[in-house]
Amino acid sequence: MKFVIKILLFLTIAGCSGSDTPEEENILPQEELIKLIGSSKRDEDWESVYKYCKSFIKHYSSSPKIDEFKKIQYDACKTHVQNGDKRSFLFIPYTARTSAIDNFTDTIQSYPYEPYSAEYIMWFGDFLIELGETIPAEVQFQKIIERYKESNSVDLALYKLGTIYFNRFKGIEYAVDSLKDSELYYNRVLQEFSNSSLVESAKKKIMIIRDLLSQKLLKTAKYYEGKENIKGAVAYYNEIINKYPETSASEQSKQILAKLQSQEEKK
């Protein structure tokens, strides 16, 4: 027991002894860093490529190789995210990506306005969707819309956001907020990018959304009618006709209103 206490005391003292003195960064010469970047690429050690490129860019900012190494850092981080780190827990293999994603995010934040930045952010958003991480993917597409307004990727980012929200819709028995948000993004494609190749697809999506929203209102109208709240039902039927005139729900609403009116006249 005394031996264990001594070890714990030693570790505590050792841990505290250097806590107030940050470790100085070892700045390597340019040529050595260039060699390390090259050898790390050959070894497919993407974590090291990231670190060596970052160090070179930080300490040798006047070098003509800066742009080259920024691109290499972007590519290394992208490959690292794709491949991940192969690990195992209790003999069960898995792929870890936390470090790779942190490095990729840091690279984007460090060099946000490279000619290819929006392209890599778009790729990252798509990759996050493949992993089922739609909320962080949404953040990436929003970045493109807000930060890269002059890029050729904004219409696609808007379309992808529309798709994310559309896919969150579970059915007319549930809330339709995500559908309304989806319609807003698809409409922005139509309004802001009328020449985009995505326009026709966005129009089709909007038609589907409007049909679903009208069906939701129709379900509500029928509920009120079933409860013999005719005034409330009529209000919803009229809302469908006025707001979604092109839908099948609108035609049904007209027929139901005509029937209700006929019943009222016979009384």
Protein backbone atom coordinates (compact mmCIF):
# COMPACT_ATOMS: atom_id res chain seq x y z
CA MET A 1 0.00 0.00 0.00
CA LYS A 2 2.85 2.39 0.90
CA PHE A 3 4.52 1.58 -2.41
CA VAL A 4 1.35 2.51 -4.34
CA ILE A 5 1.05 5.79 -2.42
CA LYS A 6 4.68 6.66 -3.23
CA ILE A 7 4.06 6.04 -6.94
CA LEU A 8 0.92 8.21 -6.92
CA LEU A 9 2.80 10.96 -5.08
CA PHE A 10 5.67 10.79 -7.58
CA LEU A 11 3.26 10.99 -10.55
CA THR A 12 1.46 13.96 -8.97
CA ILE A 13 4.72 15.86 -8.44
CA ALA A 14 5.98 14.96 -11.90
CA GLY A 15 2.71 16.09 -13.46
CA CYS A 16 2.77 19.41 -11.63
CA SER A 17 6.42 20.21 -12.16
CA GLY A 18 6.08 21.27 -15.80
CA SER A 19 2.47 22.37 -15.82
CA ASP A 20 3.24 26.10 -15.84
CA THR A 21 5.90 25.89 -18.53
CA PRO A 22 4.55 25.18 -22.01
CA GLU A 23 6.72 22.93 -24.14
CA GLU A 24 8.56 24.86 -26.84
CA GLU A 25 7.84 23.81 -30.42
CA ASN A 26 10.79 22.28 -32.21
CA ILE A 27 11.03 24.22 -35.49
CA LEU A 28 12.55 22.02 -38.18
CA PRO A 29 14.49 23.44 -41.15
CA GLN A 30 12.57 23.89 -44.39
CA GLU A 31 14.36 21.15 -46.29
CA GLU A 32 13.85 18.64 -43.49
CA LEU A 33 10.12 19.42 -43.33
CA ILE A 34 9.83 19.02 -47.10
CA LYS A 35 11.51 15.60 -46.89
CA LEU A 36 9.24 14.56 -44.00
CA ILE A 37 6.14 15.62 -45.91
CA GLY A 38 7.27 13.57 -48.91
CA SER A 39 8.14 10.46 -46.89
CA SER A 40 4.91 10.67 -44.88
CA LYS A 41 2.91 10.84 -48.12
CA ARG A 42 4.70 7.76 -49.45
CA ASP A 43 3.98 5.94 -46.17
CA GLU A 44 0.35 7.14 -46.30
CA ASP A 45 0.78 8.58 -42.82
CA TRP A 46 -1.82 11.31 -43.30
CA GLU A 47 -1.71 12.52 -39.71
CA SER A 48 1.99 13.32 -40.09
CA VAL A 49 1.47 14.95 -43.50
CA TYR A 50 -1.09 17.24 -41.83
CA LYS A 51 1.27 18.14 -38.97
CA TYR A 52 4.34 18.74 -41.14
CA CYS A 53 2.42 20.83 -43.69
CA LYS A 54 0.86 22.88 -40.91
CA SER A 55 4.29 23.47 -39.36
CA PHE A 56 5.84 24.46 -42.70
CA ILE A 57 3.02 26.92 -43.51
CA LYS A 58 3.20 28.44 -40.04
CA HIS A 59 6.96 28.98 -39.91
CA TYR A 60 7.84 29.56 -43.57
CA SER A 61 4.94 31.70 -44.77
CA SER A 62 7.09 33.51 -47.36
CA SER A 63 8.07 30.27 -49.11
CA PRO A 64 6.86 29.83 -52.71
CA LYS A 65 5.74 26.32 -51.69
CA ILE A 66 3.01 27.58 -49.34
CA ASP A 67 0.14 27.13 -51.80
CA GLU A 68 1.41 23.68 -52.75
CA PHE A 69 1.53 22.53 -49.13
CA LYS A 70 -1.89 23.96 -48.33
CA LYS A 71 -3.34 21.78 -51.09
CA ILE A 72 -1.34 18.77 -49.89
CA GLN A 73 -2.67 19.35 -46.36
CA TYR A 74 -6.25 19.52 -47.66
CA ASP A 75 -5.78 16.30 -49.65
CA ALA A 76 -4.10 14.48 -46.76
CA CYS A 77 -6.90 15.38 -44.36
CA LYS A 78 -9.56 14.35 -46.87
CA THR A 79 -7.91 10.96 -47.39
CA HIS A 80 -7.48 10.54 -43.63
CA VAL A 81 -11.20 11.21 -43.09
CA GLN A 82 -12.12 8.72 -45.83
CA ASN A 83 -9.86 5.96 -44.52
CA GLY A 84 -10.04 6.70 -40.81
CA ASP A 85 -7.80 4.90 -38.32
CA LYS A 86 -8.21 1.15 -38.04
CA ARG A 87 -8.51 0.11 -34.41
CA SER A 88 -10.04 -2.62 -32.29
CA PHE A 89 -11.80 -2.88 -28.95
CA LEU A 90 -12.09 -6.26 -27.25
CA PHE A 91 -10.87 -7.78 -30.53
CA ILE A 92 -13.70 -6.08 -32.44
CA PRO A 93 -12.30 -3.98 -35.32
CA TYR A 94 -13.67 -0.51 -35.95
CA THR A 95 -12.73 2.68 -37.79
CA ALA A 96 -12.04 5.82 -35.75
CA ARG A 97 -12.32 9.20 -37.44
CA THR A 98 -12.32 11.75 -34.60
CA SER A 99 -8.71 12.83 -35.09
CA ALA A 100 -9.06 12.91 -38.88
CA ILE A 101 -12.22 15.03 -38.73
CA ASP A 102 -10.58 17.40 -36.22
CA ASN A 103 -7.62 17.86 -38.57
CA PHE A 104 -9.86 18.39 -41.59
CA THR A 105 -11.94 20.98 -39.72
CA ASP A 106 -8.79 22.74 -38.53
CA THR A 107 -7.45 22.87 -42.10
CA ILE A 108 -10.65 24.49 -43.38
CA GLN A 109 -10.59 27.01 -40.54
CA SER A 110 -6.90 27.77 -41.07
CA TYR A 111 -7.11 28.30 -44.86
CA PRO A 112 -10.81 29.03 -45.56
CA TYR A 113 -10.50 31.00 -48.78
CA GLU A 114 -8.47 28.78 -51.08
CA PRO A 115 -9.86 28.36 -54.64
CA TYR A 116 -10.90 24.79 -53.75
CA SER A 117 -12.18 25.34 -50.17
CA ALA A 118 -15.90 25.23 -51.07
CA GLU A 119 -15.36 22.02 -53.05
CA TYR A 120 -13.76 20.28 -50.06
CA ILE A 121 -16.45 21.51 -47.67
CA MET A 122 -19.11 20.17 -50.04
CA TRP A 123 -17.34 16.81 -50.11
CA PHE A 124 -17.12 16.82 -46.29
CA GLY A 125 -20.86 17.50 -45.99
CA ASP A 126 -21.64 14.62 -48.36
CA PHE A 127 -19.33 12.30 -46.44
CA LEU A 128 -21.01 13.20 -43.13
CA ILE A 129 -24.38 12.34 -44.67
CA GLU A 130 -22.97 8.92 -45.67
CA LEU A 131 -22.05 8.45 -41.99
CA GLY A 132 -25.61 9.40 -41.00
CA GLU A 133 -24.45 12.67 -39.40
CA THR A 134 -26.97 15.03 -41.00
CA ILE A 135 -26.75 17.85 -38.43
CA PRO A 136 -22.98 18.47 -38.87
CA ALA A 137 -23.49 18.00 -42.63
CA GLU A 138 -26.08 20.76 -42.52
CA VAL A 139 -23.47 23.03 -40.90
CA GLN A 140 -21.08 22.42 -43.82
CA PHE A 141 -23.68 23.29 -46.46
CA GLN A 142 -24.65 26.43 -44.53
CA LYS A 143 -20.98 27.45 -44.57
CA ILE A 144 -20.96 27.29 -48.36
CA ILE A 145 -24.10 29.43 -48.61
CA GLU A 146 -22.85 32.06 -46.16
CA ARG A 147 -19.10 32.11 -46.86
CA TYR A 148 -18.74 31.22 -50.54
CA LYS A 149 -21.55 33.17 -52.20
CA GLU A 150 -19.52 33.62 -55.38
CA SER A 151 -18.72 29.93 -55.78
CA ASN A 152 -20.47 27.54 -58.14
CA SER A 153 -21.61 25.38 -55.22
CA VAL A 154 -24.30 27.52 -53.56
CA ASP A 155 -27.24 26.15 -55.57
CA LEU A 156 -26.12 22.59 -54.81
CA ALA A 157 -25.70 23.41 -51.10
CA LEU A 158 -29.26 24.82 -51.01
CA TYR A 159 -30.58 21.73 -52.78
CA LYS A 160 -28.79 19.40 -50.36
CA LEU A 161 -30.22 21.30 -47.37
CA GLY A 162 -33.68 20.90 -48.90
CA THR A 163 -33.04 17.16 -49.19
CA ILE A 164 -31.80 16.89 -45.59
CA TYR A 165 -34.97 18.49 -44.26
CA PHE A 166 -37.18 16.50 -46.64
CA ASN A 167 -35.68 13.23 -45.38
CA ARG A 168 -36.45 14.20 -41.78
CA PHE A 169 -40.19 14.12 -42.54
CA LYS A 170 -41.75 10.98 -41.05
CA GLY A 171 -45.31 11.17 -42.39
CA ILE A 172 -48.44 13.30 -42.33
CA GLU A 173 -49.29 11.90 -38.90
CA TYR A 174 -46.34 13.88 -37.55
CA ALA A 175 -45.21 17.51 -37.56
CA VAL A 176 -44.51 19.03 -40.97
CA ASP A 177 -41.98 21.70 -39.96
CA SER A 178 -39.16 19.90 -41.75
CA LEU A 179 -41.21 19.82 -44.95
CA LYS A 180 -41.80 23.57 -44.79
CA ASP A 181 -38.06 24.18 -44.26
CA SER A 182 -37.32 21.86 -47.17
CA GLU A 183 -39.68 23.81 -49.43
CA LEU A 184 -37.93 27.06 -48.49
CA TYR A 185 -34.53 25.73 -49.59
CA TYR A 186 -35.86 24.27 -52.84
CA ASN A 187 -37.62 27.56 -53.57
CA ARG A 188 -34.34 29.41 -53.07
CA VAL A 189 -32.83 27.27 -55.81
CA LEU A 190 -35.64 28.40 -58.15
CA GLN A 191 -35.52 32.05 -57.15
CA GLU A 192 -31.76 32.61 -56.89
CA PHE A 193 -30.45 30.16 -59.51
CA SER A 194 -33.01 30.05 -62.31
CA ASN A 195 -30.38 28.71 -64.75
CA SER A 196 -29.21 25.92 -62.46
CA SER A 197 -29.38 22.32 -63.65
CA LEU A 198 -31.12 21.57 -60.34
CA VAL A 199 -34.19 23.69 -61.09
CA GLU A 200 -36.35 20.93 -62.61
CA SER A 201 -35.53 18.52 -59.81
CA ALA A 202 -36.30 21.22 -57.20
CA LYS A 203 -39.67 21.88 -58.88
CA LYS A 204 -40.57 18.18 -58.64
CA LYS A 205 -39.58 18.12 -54.97
CA ILE A 206 -41.72 21.19 -54.27
CA MET A 207 -44.73 19.53 -55.95
CA ILE A 208 -44.28 16.47 -53.71
CA ILE A 209 -43.95 18.67 -50.62
CA ARG A 210 -47.01 20.75 -51.47
CA ASP A 211 -49.04 17.57 -51.99
CA LEU A 212 -47.92 16.23 -48.59
CA LEU A 213 -48.70 19.53 -46.85
CA SER A 214 -52.17 19.59 -48.43
CA GLN A 215 -52.76 15.99 -47.33
CA LYS A 216 -51.84 16.97 -43.78
CA LEU A 217 -54.45 19.77 -43.85
CA LEU A 218 -57.01 17.43 -45.41
CA LYS A 219 -56.48 14.96 -42.59
CA THR A 220 -57.05 17.77 -40.08
CA ALA A 221 -60.18 18.99 -41.90
CA LYS A 222 -61.67 15.49 -41.88
CA TYR A 223 -60.89 15.16 -38.19
CA TYR A 224 -62.89 18.32 -37.45
CA GLU A 225 -65.70 17.14 -39.71
CA GLY A 226 -65.78 13.81 -37.88
CA LYS A 227 -66.10 15.68 -34.60
CA GLU A 228 -69.03 17.59 -36.18
CA ASN A 229 -67.08 20.85 -35.94
CA ILE A 230 -68.26 21.86 -39.42
CA LYS A 231 -67.10 25.47 -39.10
CA GLY A 232 -63.55 24.36 -38.30
CA ALA A 233 -63.59 21.76 -41.08
CA VAL A 234 -64.81 24.27 -43.65
CA ALA A 235 -62.00 26.64 -42.68
CA TYR A 236 -59.40 23.93 -43.36
CA TYR A 237 -61.00 22.84 -46.63
CA ASN A 238 -60.95 26.45 -47.83
CA GLU A 239 -57.32 26.82 -46.75
CA ILE A 240 -56.39 23.80 -48.88
CA ILE A 241 -58.22 25.20 -51.92
CA ASN A 242 -56.59 28.63 -51.57
CA LYS A 243 -53.08 27.53 -50.64
CA TYR A 244 -52.69 24.32 -52.68
CA PRO A 245 -55.05 24.70 -55.68
CA GLU A 246 -53.04 22.33 -57.91
CA THR A 247 -53.26 19.33 -55.56
CA SER A 248 -55.63 16.38 -55.42
CA ALA A 249 -56.50 17.44 -51.85
CA SER A 250 -57.87 20.68 -53.28
CA GLU A 251 -60.24 18.78 -55.58
CA GLN A 252 -61.37 16.59 -52.71
CA SER A 253 -61.94 19.67 -50.57
CA LYS A 254 -64.14 21.27 -53.26
CA GLN A 255 -66.24 18.13 -53.49
CA ILE A 256 -66.60 17.86 -49.71
CA LEU A 257 -67.55 21.54 -49.39
CA ALA A 258 -70.20 21.14 -52.10
CA LYS A 259 -71.58 18.13 -50.24
CA LEU A 260 -71.63 20.01 -46.91
CA GLN A 261 -73.35 22.97 -48.52
CA SER A 262 -75.97 20.69 -50.06
CA GLN A 263 -76.62 19.08 -46.68
CA GLU A 264 -76.96 22.51 -45.08
CA GLU A 265 -79.51 23.61 -47.68
CA LYS A 266 -81.68 20.55 -47.06
CA LYS A 267 -82.01 21.36 -43.38
